[in-house]
Amino acid sequence: MQQEVVTWWHELNTWDALEARNFYRRTLGWTFEQVTLPDGEPYWLARKGGKTIGGVFSLSAPAFKGIPAHWMTYMAVDNLDRAAQETASAGGEVTRPATYIPGIGKIAIVTDASGALIGLIEPALEQLDENATTNAKTVDHDLIDEDDAIEFAPELATANGRNARYSLPN
């Protein structure tokens, strides 16, 4: 049975959480609240106008070696465990098992059958009330392959001198 899915959560995964928080504080006026993940690692909730709008996750080696800083989109699902089972049966893979973020909900990272990463979130009940009008908006995100991306924005192909073809370093 398919579940209703909406874009719910955006998370910055970065190697330098302090620099990133300072950047978004200055450029977008965000504030941050630190919480602790179940594994003891810090996580920062991004807020704007008193509303929680996203999170900042600190990448660390060796678990995330070779993964560049990036924004991850999370789609809300009614039942994360069922969505994870459906992912596997549909040809995808659960690449990061369910983890609870205090006050936000349970998240997992999966790949679809083509290998594209997407986050899934089963929002905490308090998030359903708080974000009913702020986060639960379906946004037009396109799934494009790397050749289409380079054709669409060739000037970004070597942004900051790095290859922006979304492939991991060898």
N, C-alpha and C. Protein backbone atom coordinates (compact mmCIF):
# COMPACT_ATOMS: atom_id res chain seq x y z
N MET A 1 0.83 -1.18 0.00
CA MET A 1 0.00 0.00 0.00
C MET A 1 0.88 1.24 0.00
N GLN A 2 0.64 2.17 -0.91
CA GLN A 2 1.44 3.38 -0.98
C GLN A 2 1.02 4.36 0.10
N GLN A 3 2.00 5.10 0.60
CA GLN A 3 1.75 6.09 1.62
C GLN A 3 1.78 7.48 0.99
N GLU A 4 1.00 8.41 1.57
CA GLU A 4 1.08 9.80 1.12
C GLU A 4 2.45 10.32 1.51
N VAL A 5 3.11 11.02 0.59
CA VAL A 5 4.46 11.50 0.84
C VAL A 5 4.56 12.98 0.51
N VAL A 6 5.13 13.76 1.43
CA VAL A 6 5.37 15.17 1.20
C VAL A 6 6.79 15.50 1.65
N THR A 7 7.37 16.54 1.04
CA THR A 7 8.68 17.02 1.49
C THR A 7 8.49 17.57 2.89
N TRP A 8 9.31 17.09 3.84
CA TRP A 8 9.09 17.45 5.23
C TRP A 8 10.31 18.08 5.90
N TRP A 9 11.48 17.59 5.59
CA TRP A 9 12.65 17.97 6.37
C TRP A 9 13.84 18.14 5.45
N HIS A 10 14.65 19.14 5.72
CA HIS A 10 15.89 19.36 4.97
C HIS A 10 17.03 19.36 5.97
N GLU A 11 18.08 18.66 5.63
CA GLU A 11 19.21 18.50 6.54
C GLU A 11 20.51 18.75 5.81
N LEU A 12 21.32 19.62 6.37
CA LEU A 12 22.66 19.86 5.84
C LEU A 12 23.60 18.84 6.48
N ASN A 13 24.29 18.08 5.64
CA ASN A 13 25.32 17.15 6.09
C ASN A 13 26.65 17.81 5.75
N THR A 14 27.46 18.12 6.75
CA THR A 14 28.66 18.92 6.53
C THR A 14 29.83 18.43 7.37
N TRP A 15 31.03 18.70 6.86
CA TRP A 15 32.25 18.38 7.59
C TRP A 15 32.60 19.47 8.59
N ASP A 16 32.03 20.65 8.46
CA ASP A 16 32.32 21.76 9.36
C ASP A 16 31.02 22.41 9.80
N ALA A 17 30.40 21.83 10.82
CA ALA A 17 29.09 22.30 11.28
C ALA A 17 29.16 23.73 11.82
N LEU A 18 30.25 24.11 12.47
CA LEU A 18 30.38 25.46 13.01
C LEU A 18 30.40 26.48 11.87
N GLU A 19 31.21 26.25 10.86
CA GLU A 19 31.29 27.15 9.72
C GLU A 19 29.94 27.24 9.00
N ALA A 20 29.30 26.10 8.83
CA ALA A 20 27.99 26.08 8.16
C ALA A 20 26.95 26.86 8.97
N ARG A 21 26.91 26.64 10.27
CA ARG A 21 25.93 27.35 11.11
C ARG A 21 26.18 28.85 11.04
N ASN A 22 27.45 29.25 11.09
CA ASN A 22 27.77 30.68 11.00
C ASN A 22 27.32 31.25 9.66
N PHE A 23 27.50 30.50 8.58
CA PHE A 23 27.09 30.94 7.24
C PHE A 23 25.58 31.17 7.19
N TYR A 24 24.80 30.18 7.63
CA TYR A 24 23.34 30.30 7.54
C TYR A 24 22.78 31.29 8.55
N ARG A 25 23.48 31.45 9.65
CA ARG A 25 23.08 32.48 10.62
C ARG A 25 23.20 33.86 9.98
N ARG A 26 24.34 34.12 9.31
CA ARG A 26 24.58 35.43 8.69
C ARG A 26 23.74 35.65 7.44
N THR A 27 23.63 34.63 6.59
CA THR A 27 22.96 34.84 5.30
C THR A 27 21.45 34.69 5.35
N LEU A 28 20.92 33.80 6.20
CA LEU A 28 19.48 33.55 6.23
C LEU A 28 18.82 33.89 7.56
N GLY A 29 19.63 34.31 8.54
CA GLY A 29 19.06 34.70 9.82
C GLY A 29 18.58 33.53 10.68
N TRP A 30 19.13 32.33 10.42
CA TRP A 30 18.73 31.17 11.20
C TRP A 30 19.37 31.19 12.58
N THR A 31 18.71 30.57 13.53
CA THR A 31 19.29 30.29 14.84
C THR A 31 19.38 28.77 14.96
N PHE A 32 20.16 28.30 15.92
CA PHE A 32 20.38 26.87 16.05
C PHE A 32 20.27 26.42 17.49
N GLU A 33 19.70 25.24 17.67
CA GLU A 33 19.60 24.60 18.98
C GLU A 33 20.27 23.25 18.88
N GLN A 34 21.23 22.98 19.78
CA GLN A 34 21.92 21.69 19.76
C GLN A 34 21.11 20.67 20.54
N VAL A 35 20.95 19.48 19.94
CA VAL A 35 20.36 18.33 20.61
C VAL A 35 21.36 17.18 20.47
N THR A 36 21.11 16.09 21.16
CA THR A 36 22.03 14.95 21.11
C THR A 36 21.33 13.76 20.47
N LEU A 37 21.99 13.17 19.48
CA LEU A 37 21.47 11.98 18.83
C LEU A 37 21.64 10.77 19.75
N PRO A 38 20.91 9.69 19.49
CA PRO A 38 21.03 8.50 20.34
C PRO A 38 22.45 7.96 20.47
N ASP A 39 23.30 8.19 19.44
CA ASP A 39 24.68 7.70 19.53
C ASP A 39 25.60 8.67 20.27
N GLY A 40 25.03 9.77 20.82
CA GLY A 40 25.80 10.73 21.59
C GLY A 40 26.36 11.89 20.78
N GLU A 41 26.21 11.84 19.46
CA GLU A 41 26.73 12.90 18.60
C GLU A 41 25.80 14.11 18.61
N PRO A 42 26.36 15.32 18.43
CA PRO A 42 25.51 16.51 18.39
C PRO A 42 24.77 16.65 17.07
N TYR A 43 23.63 17.31 17.12
CA TYR A 43 22.81 17.61 15.94
C TYR A 43 22.22 18.98 16.22
N TRP A 44 22.12 19.81 15.20
CA TRP A 44 21.62 21.16 15.41
C TRP A 44 20.32 21.35 14.66
N LEU A 45 19.30 21.83 15.38
CA LEU A 45 18.02 22.17 14.77
C LEU A 45 18.11 23.61 14.29
N ALA A 46 17.78 23.83 13.04
CA ALA A 46 17.80 25.18 12.46
C ALA A 46 16.41 25.78 12.64
N ARG A 47 16.38 27.04 13.08
CA ARG A 47 15.10 27.71 13.32
C ARG A 47 15.08 29.07 12.63
N LYS A 48 13.89 29.45 12.20
CA LYS A 48 13.67 30.76 11.61
C LYS A 48 12.31 31.23 12.08
N GLY A 49 12.25 32.42 12.69
CA GLY A 49 10.98 32.93 13.18
C GLY A 49 10.31 32.03 14.20
N GLY A 50 11.11 31.33 15.00
CA GLY A 50 10.56 30.46 16.03
C GLY A 50 10.13 29.09 15.53
N LYS A 51 10.21 28.83 14.25
CA LYS A 51 9.83 27.53 13.67
C LYS A 51 11.07 26.71 13.35
N THR A 52 11.01 25.42 13.62
CA THR A 52 12.09 24.51 13.24
C THR A 52 11.96 24.24 11.75
N ILE A 53 13.03 24.53 11.00
CA ILE A 53 12.95 24.42 9.54
C ILE A 53 13.91 23.39 8.94
N GLY A 54 14.82 22.86 9.74
CA GLY A 54 15.76 21.88 9.22
C GLY A 54 16.78 21.50 10.26
N GLY A 55 17.80 20.78 9.83
CA GLY A 55 18.83 20.35 10.75
C GLY A 55 20.20 20.36 10.13
N VAL A 56 21.21 20.27 11.01
CA VAL A 56 22.61 20.22 10.58
C VAL A 56 23.23 18.98 11.21
N PHE A 57 23.75 18.11 10.36
CA PHE A 57 24.39 16.87 10.78
C PHE A 57 25.86 16.96 10.46
N SER A 58 26.70 16.63 11.43
CA SER A 58 28.14 16.71 11.25
C SER A 58 28.68 15.38 10.72
N LEU A 59 29.24 15.42 9.52
CA LEU A 59 29.88 14.24 8.94
C LEU A 59 31.20 13.99 9.66
N SER A 60 31.54 12.74 9.85
CA SER A 60 32.82 12.41 10.48
C SER A 60 33.37 11.13 9.87
N ALA A 61 34.70 11.05 9.85
CA ALA A 61 35.36 9.86 9.33
C ALA A 61 35.41 8.82 10.44
N PRO A 62 35.49 7.56 10.18
CA PRO A 62 35.58 6.96 8.85
C PRO A 62 34.22 6.67 8.21
N ALA A 63 33.14 6.77 8.97
CA ALA A 63 31.82 6.37 8.45
C ALA A 63 31.40 7.11 7.19
N PHE A 64 31.79 8.38 7.07
CA PHE A 64 31.33 9.19 5.94
C PHE A 64 32.48 9.63 5.03
N LYS A 65 33.63 8.96 5.15
CA LYS A 65 34.80 9.33 4.34
C LYS A 65 34.44 9.35 2.86
N GLY A 66 34.84 10.42 2.18
CA GLY A 66 34.61 10.54 0.75
C GLY A 66 33.28 11.14 0.36
N ILE A 67 32.41 11.39 1.32
CA ILE A 67 31.11 11.98 1.02
C ILE A 67 31.22 13.49 1.15
N PRO A 68 30.89 14.22 0.10
CA PRO A 68 30.98 15.69 0.17
C PRO A 68 29.82 16.27 0.99
N ALA A 69 30.00 17.48 1.49
CA ALA A 69 28.92 18.18 2.17
C ALA A 69 27.76 18.31 1.19
N HIS A 70 26.53 18.18 1.70
CA HIS A 70 25.36 18.24 0.83
C HIS A 70 24.10 18.47 1.65
N TRP A 71 23.04 18.88 0.97
CA TRP A 71 21.72 18.98 1.57
C TRP A 71 20.95 17.71 1.27
N MET A 72 20.28 17.16 2.26
CA MET A 72 19.47 15.95 2.11
C MET A 72 18.00 16.32 2.32
N THR A 73 17.15 15.85 1.42
CA THR A 73 15.71 16.06 1.54
C THR A 73 15.09 14.81 2.16
N TYR A 74 14.18 15.02 3.09
CA TYR A 74 13.45 13.93 3.73
C TYR A 74 11.98 14.03 3.38
N MET A 75 11.42 12.92 2.94
CA MET A 75 10.01 12.83 2.62
C MET A 75 9.30 12.19 3.82
N ALA A 76 8.18 12.79 4.23
CA ALA A 76 7.42 12.26 5.37
C ALA A 76 6.65 11.02 4.96
N VAL A 77 6.67 10.03 5.83
CA VAL A 77 5.89 8.81 5.65
C VAL A 77 5.14 8.52 6.94
N ASP A 78 4.04 7.81 6.83
CA ASP A 78 3.22 7.47 8.00
C ASP A 78 3.90 6.44 8.90
N ASN A 79 4.64 5.51 8.27
CA ASN A 79 5.22 4.40 9.00
C ASN A 79 6.59 4.10 8.40
N LEU A 80 7.65 4.52 9.09
CA LEU A 80 9.00 4.39 8.57
C LEU A 80 9.42 2.92 8.42
N ASP A 81 9.05 2.09 9.35
CA ASP A 81 9.42 0.67 9.26
C ASP A 81 8.82 0.04 8.01
N ARG A 82 7.56 0.34 7.75
CA ARG A 82 6.90 -0.20 6.55
C ARG A 82 7.55 0.36 5.28
N ALA A 83 7.87 1.66 5.29
CA ALA A 83 8.51 2.28 4.13
C ALA A 83 9.87 1.65 3.85
N ALA A 84 10.61 1.32 4.91
CA ALA A 84 11.91 0.66 4.73
C ALA A 84 11.73 -0.72 4.11
N GLN A 85 10.73 -1.47 4.56
CA GLN A 85 10.46 -2.79 3.97
C GLN A 85 10.07 -2.65 2.50
N GLU A 86 9.22 -1.66 2.20
CA GLU A 86 8.79 -1.45 0.82
C GLU A 86 9.95 -1.01 -0.07
N THR A 87 10.90 -0.25 0.51
CA THR A 87 12.09 0.16 -0.23
C THR A 87 12.85 -1.06 -0.73
N ALA A 88 13.09 -1.99 0.17
CA ALA A 88 13.84 -3.20 -0.19
C ALA A 88 13.08 -4.04 -1.21
N SER A 89 11.79 -4.19 -1.03
CA SER A 89 11.03 -5.03 -1.96
C SER A 89 10.85 -4.38 -3.33
N ALA A 90 11.03 -3.05 -3.40
CA ALA A 90 10.91 -2.34 -4.68
C ALA A 90 12.24 -2.17 -5.40
N GLY A 91 13.31 -2.78 -4.86
CA GLY A 91 14.61 -2.72 -5.53
C GLY A 91 15.54 -1.66 -4.98
N GLY A 92 15.12 -0.96 -3.93
CA GLY A 92 15.98 0.02 -3.29
C GLY A 92 16.77 -0.60 -2.16
N GLU A 93 17.44 0.25 -1.38
CA GLU A 93 18.25 -0.24 -0.28
C GLU A 93 18.21 0.76 0.87
N VAL A 94 18.12 0.27 2.09
CA VAL A 94 18.22 1.12 3.27
C VAL A 94 19.71 1.30 3.54
N THR A 95 20.23 2.52 3.34
CA THR A 95 21.66 2.75 3.51
C THR A 95 22.01 3.26 4.89
N ARG A 96 21.04 3.84 5.58
CA ARG A 96 21.24 4.27 6.97
C ARG A 96 19.97 3.94 7.73
N PRO A 97 20.03 2.96 8.62
CA PRO A 97 18.84 2.51 9.33
C PRO A 97 18.21 3.63 10.16
N ALA A 98 17.00 3.40 10.59
CA ALA A 98 16.23 4.39 11.34
C ALA A 98 16.98 4.88 12.57
N THR A 99 16.96 6.20 12.75
CA THR A 99 17.55 6.87 13.90
C THR A 99 16.55 7.91 14.37
N TYR A 100 16.41 8.06 15.67
CA TYR A 100 15.48 9.05 16.21
C TYR A 100 16.21 10.36 16.50
N ILE A 101 15.67 11.47 16.01
CA ILE A 101 16.18 12.80 16.34
C ILE A 101 15.18 13.40 17.32
N PRO A 102 15.63 13.70 18.54
CA PRO A 102 14.72 14.18 19.58
C PRO A 102 13.86 15.36 19.12
N GLY A 103 12.54 15.21 19.28
CA GLY A 103 11.59 16.25 18.95
C GLY A 103 11.30 16.40 17.47
N ILE A 104 12.00 15.66 16.62
CA ILE A 104 11.82 15.78 15.17
C ILE A 104 11.15 14.53 14.61
N GLY A 105 11.69 13.38 14.93
CA GLY A 105 11.10 12.14 14.46
C GLY A 105 12.15 11.10 14.12
N LYS A 106 11.69 10.02 13.53
CA LYS A 106 12.56 8.90 13.17
C LYS A 106 12.90 9.05 11.69
N ILE A 107 14.21 8.99 11.36
CA ILE A 107 14.67 9.16 9.98
C ILE A 107 15.46 7.94 9.52
N ALA A 108 15.47 7.74 8.21
CA ALA A 108 16.30 6.72 7.58
C ALA A 108 16.70 7.26 6.22
N ILE A 109 17.80 6.77 5.69
CA ILE A 109 18.23 7.15 4.35
C ILE A 109 18.19 5.90 3.49
N VAL A 110 17.58 6.03 2.33
CA VAL A 110 17.42 4.90 1.41
C VAL A 110 17.86 5.32 0.01
N THR A 111 18.04 4.33 -0.84
CA THR A 111 18.23 4.60 -2.27
C THR A 111 17.02 4.01 -2.99
N ASP A 112 16.66 4.66 -4.09
CA ASP A 112 15.61 4.09 -4.91
C ASP A 112 16.24 3.03 -5.82
N ALA A 113 15.45 2.44 -6.69
CA ALA A 113 15.95 1.36 -7.56
C ALA A 113 17.04 1.84 -8.52
N SER A 114 17.12 3.16 -8.78
CA SER A 114 18.16 3.69 -9.66
C SER A 114 19.42 4.09 -8.91
N GLY A 115 19.39 4.01 -7.58
CA GLY A 115 20.54 4.37 -6.76
C GLY A 115 20.50 5.78 -6.20
N ALA A 116 19.45 6.56 -6.49
CA ALA A 116 19.35 7.93 -5.97
C ALA A 116 19.01 7.91 -4.48
N LEU A 117 19.75 8.70 -3.70
CA LEU A 117 19.51 8.80 -2.26
C LEU A 117 18.30 9.67 -1.97
N ILE A 118 17.55 9.29 -0.94
CA ILE A 118 16.45 10.11 -0.43
C ILE A 118 16.30 9.78 1.06
N GLY A 119 15.95 10.77 1.82
CA GLY A 119 15.68 10.56 3.23
C GLY A 119 14.20 10.33 3.46
N LEU A 120 13.89 9.48 4.43
CA LEU A 120 12.51 9.26 4.85
C LEU A 120 12.40 9.67 6.31
N ILE A 121 11.27 10.27 6.68
CA ILE A 121 11.06 10.68 8.07
C ILE A 121 9.64 10.35 8.49
N GLU A 122 9.53 9.77 9.68
CA GLU A 122 8.25 9.59 10.35
C GLU A 122 8.24 10.68 11.42
N PRO A 123 7.56 11.81 11.14
CA PRO A 123 7.65 12.96 12.05
C PRO A 123 7.12 12.64 13.44
N ALA A 124 7.76 13.25 14.44
CA ALA A 124 7.28 13.15 15.82
C ALA A 124 5.94 13.87 15.89
N LEU A 125 5.09 13.45 16.80
CA LEU A 125 3.75 14.05 16.92
C LEU A 125 3.81 15.56 17.09
N GLU A 126 4.77 16.06 17.89
CA GLU A 126 4.86 17.50 18.10
C GLU A 126 5.24 18.23 16.82
N GLN A 127 5.98 17.55 15.93
CA GLN A 127 6.34 18.14 14.65
C GLN A 127 5.13 18.22 13.72
N LEU A 128 4.25 17.25 13.83
CA LEU A 128 3.05 17.27 12.99
C LEU A 128 2.24 18.53 13.28
N ASP A 129 2.14 18.91 14.55
CA ASP A 129 1.40 20.11 14.91
C ASP A 129 2.17 21.37 14.54
N GLU A 130 3.45 21.44 14.92
CA GLU A 130 4.25 22.65 14.71
C GLU A 130 4.46 22.96 13.23
N ASN A 131 4.70 21.93 12.43
CA ASN A 131 5.10 22.16 11.05
C ASN A 131 3.99 21.91 10.03
N ALA A 132 2.78 21.76 10.48
CA ALA A 132 1.70 21.45 9.55
C ALA A 132 1.59 22.47 8.43
N THR A 133 1.94 23.72 8.70
CA THR A 133 1.83 24.73 7.64
C THR A 133 3.17 25.23 7.16
N THR A 134 4.29 24.78 7.75
CA THR A 134 5.58 25.29 7.30
C THR A 134 6.39 24.27 6.52
N ASN A 135 6.48 23.04 7.00
CA ASN A 135 7.33 22.05 6.33
C ASN A 135 6.56 21.17 5.36
N ALA A 136 5.30 20.93 5.62
CA ALA A 136 4.56 19.96 4.81
C ALA A 136 4.09 20.57 3.51
N LYS A 137 5.05 20.93 2.69
CA LYS A 137 4.76 21.49 1.39
C LYS A 137 5.48 20.64 0.35
N THR A 138 4.76 20.18 -0.62
CA THR A 138 5.41 19.43 -1.68
C THR A 138 6.14 20.43 -2.56
N VAL A 139 7.39 20.19 -2.79
CA VAL A 139 8.22 21.08 -3.57
C VAL A 139 8.58 20.38 -4.87
N ASP A 140 8.70 21.12 -5.94
CA ASP A 140 9.05 20.54 -7.23
C ASP A 140 10.55 20.30 -7.28
N HIS A 141 10.95 19.07 -6.98
CA HIS A 141 12.34 18.65 -7.10
C HIS A 141 12.43 17.71 -8.28
N ASP A 142 13.37 17.92 -9.15
CA ASP A 142 13.50 17.07 -10.32
C ASP A 142 14.58 16.02 -10.11
N LEU A 143 14.30 14.83 -10.59
CA LEU A 143 15.29 13.77 -10.61
C LEU A 143 15.93 13.81 -11.99
N ILE A 144 17.20 14.19 -12.03
CA ILE A 144 17.91 14.28 -13.30
C ILE A 144 19.22 13.52 -13.18
N ASP A 145 19.72 13.06 -14.31
CA ASP A 145 21.00 12.37 -14.25
C ASP A 145 22.13 13.38 -14.38
N GLU A 146 23.38 12.93 -14.18
CA GLU A 146 24.49 13.88 -14.13
C GLU A 146 24.72 14.58 -15.46
N ASP A 147 24.48 13.93 -16.59
CA ASP A 147 24.64 14.61 -17.87
C ASP A 147 23.63 15.73 -18.04
N ASP A 148 22.37 15.49 -17.62
CA ASP A 148 21.35 16.54 -17.67
C ASP A 148 21.74 17.69 -16.76
N ALA A 149 22.29 17.39 -15.58
CA ALA A 149 22.67 18.43 -14.63
C ALA A 149 23.76 19.32 -15.21
N ILE A 150 24.75 18.72 -15.86
CA ILE A 150 25.83 19.50 -16.45
C ILE A 150 25.30 20.34 -17.61
N GLU A 151 24.40 19.77 -18.42
CA GLU A 151 23.82 20.52 -19.53
C GLU A 151 22.97 21.68 -19.01
N PHE A 152 22.24 21.46 -17.91
CA PHE A 152 21.36 22.49 -17.34
C PHE A 152 22.16 23.65 -16.76
N ALA A 153 23.25 23.36 -16.06
CA ALA A 153 24.02 24.41 -15.39
C ALA A 153 25.51 24.16 -15.56
N PRO A 154 26.04 24.34 -16.78
CA PRO A 154 27.46 24.03 -17.02
C PRO A 154 28.39 24.90 -16.19
N GLU A 155 27.96 26.12 -15.84
CA GLU A 155 28.82 26.99 -15.05
C GLU A 155 29.05 26.45 -13.64
N LEU A 156 28.20 25.53 -13.20
CA LEU A 156 28.37 24.93 -11.88
C LEU A 156 29.20 23.66 -11.93
N ALA A 157 29.53 23.20 -13.12
CA ALA A 157 30.22 21.92 -13.27
C ALA A 157 31.57 21.90 -12.58
N THR A 158 32.20 23.04 -12.44
CA THR A 158 33.48 23.09 -11.74
C THR A 158 33.43 24.15 -10.65
N ALA A 159 32.29 24.25 -9.97
CA ALA A 159 32.14 25.22 -8.88
C ALA A 159 33.25 25.02 -7.86
N ASN A 160 33.87 26.10 -7.46
CA ASN A 160 34.96 26.07 -6.47
C ASN A 160 36.08 25.12 -6.89
N GLY A 161 36.26 24.94 -8.20
CA GLY A 161 37.34 24.10 -8.68
C GLY A 161 37.11 22.62 -8.47
N ARG A 162 35.90 22.24 -8.04
CA ARG A 162 35.60 20.84 -7.79
C ARG A 162 34.65 20.32 -8.86
N ASN A 163 34.76 19.06 -9.16
CA ASN A 163 33.85 18.44 -10.11
C ASN A 163 32.48 18.31 -9.44
N ALA A 164 31.47 18.93 -10.02
CA ALA A 164 30.13 18.90 -9.45
C ALA A 164 29.26 17.84 -10.10
N ARG A 165 29.84 16.77 -10.60
CA ARG A 165 29.05 15.72 -11.24
C ARG A 165 28.49 14.72 -10.22
N TYR A 166 28.56 15.04 -8.96
CA TYR A 166 27.95 14.24 -7.89
C TYR A 166 28.51 12.84 -7.79
N SER A 167 29.75 12.65 -8.20
CA SER A 167 30.37 11.35 -8.01
C SER A 167 31.35 11.47 -6.85
N LEU A 168 31.47 10.40 -6.11
CA LEU A 168 32.37 10.41 -4.97
C LEU A 168 33.81 10.26 -5.42
N PRO A 169 34.74 10.84 -4.68
CA PRO A 169 36.15 10.69 -5.04
C PRO A 169 36.57 9.22 -4.91
N ASN A 170 37.58 8.84 -5.70
CA ASN A 170 38.09 7.45 -5.63
C ASN A 170 38.93 7.25 -4.39
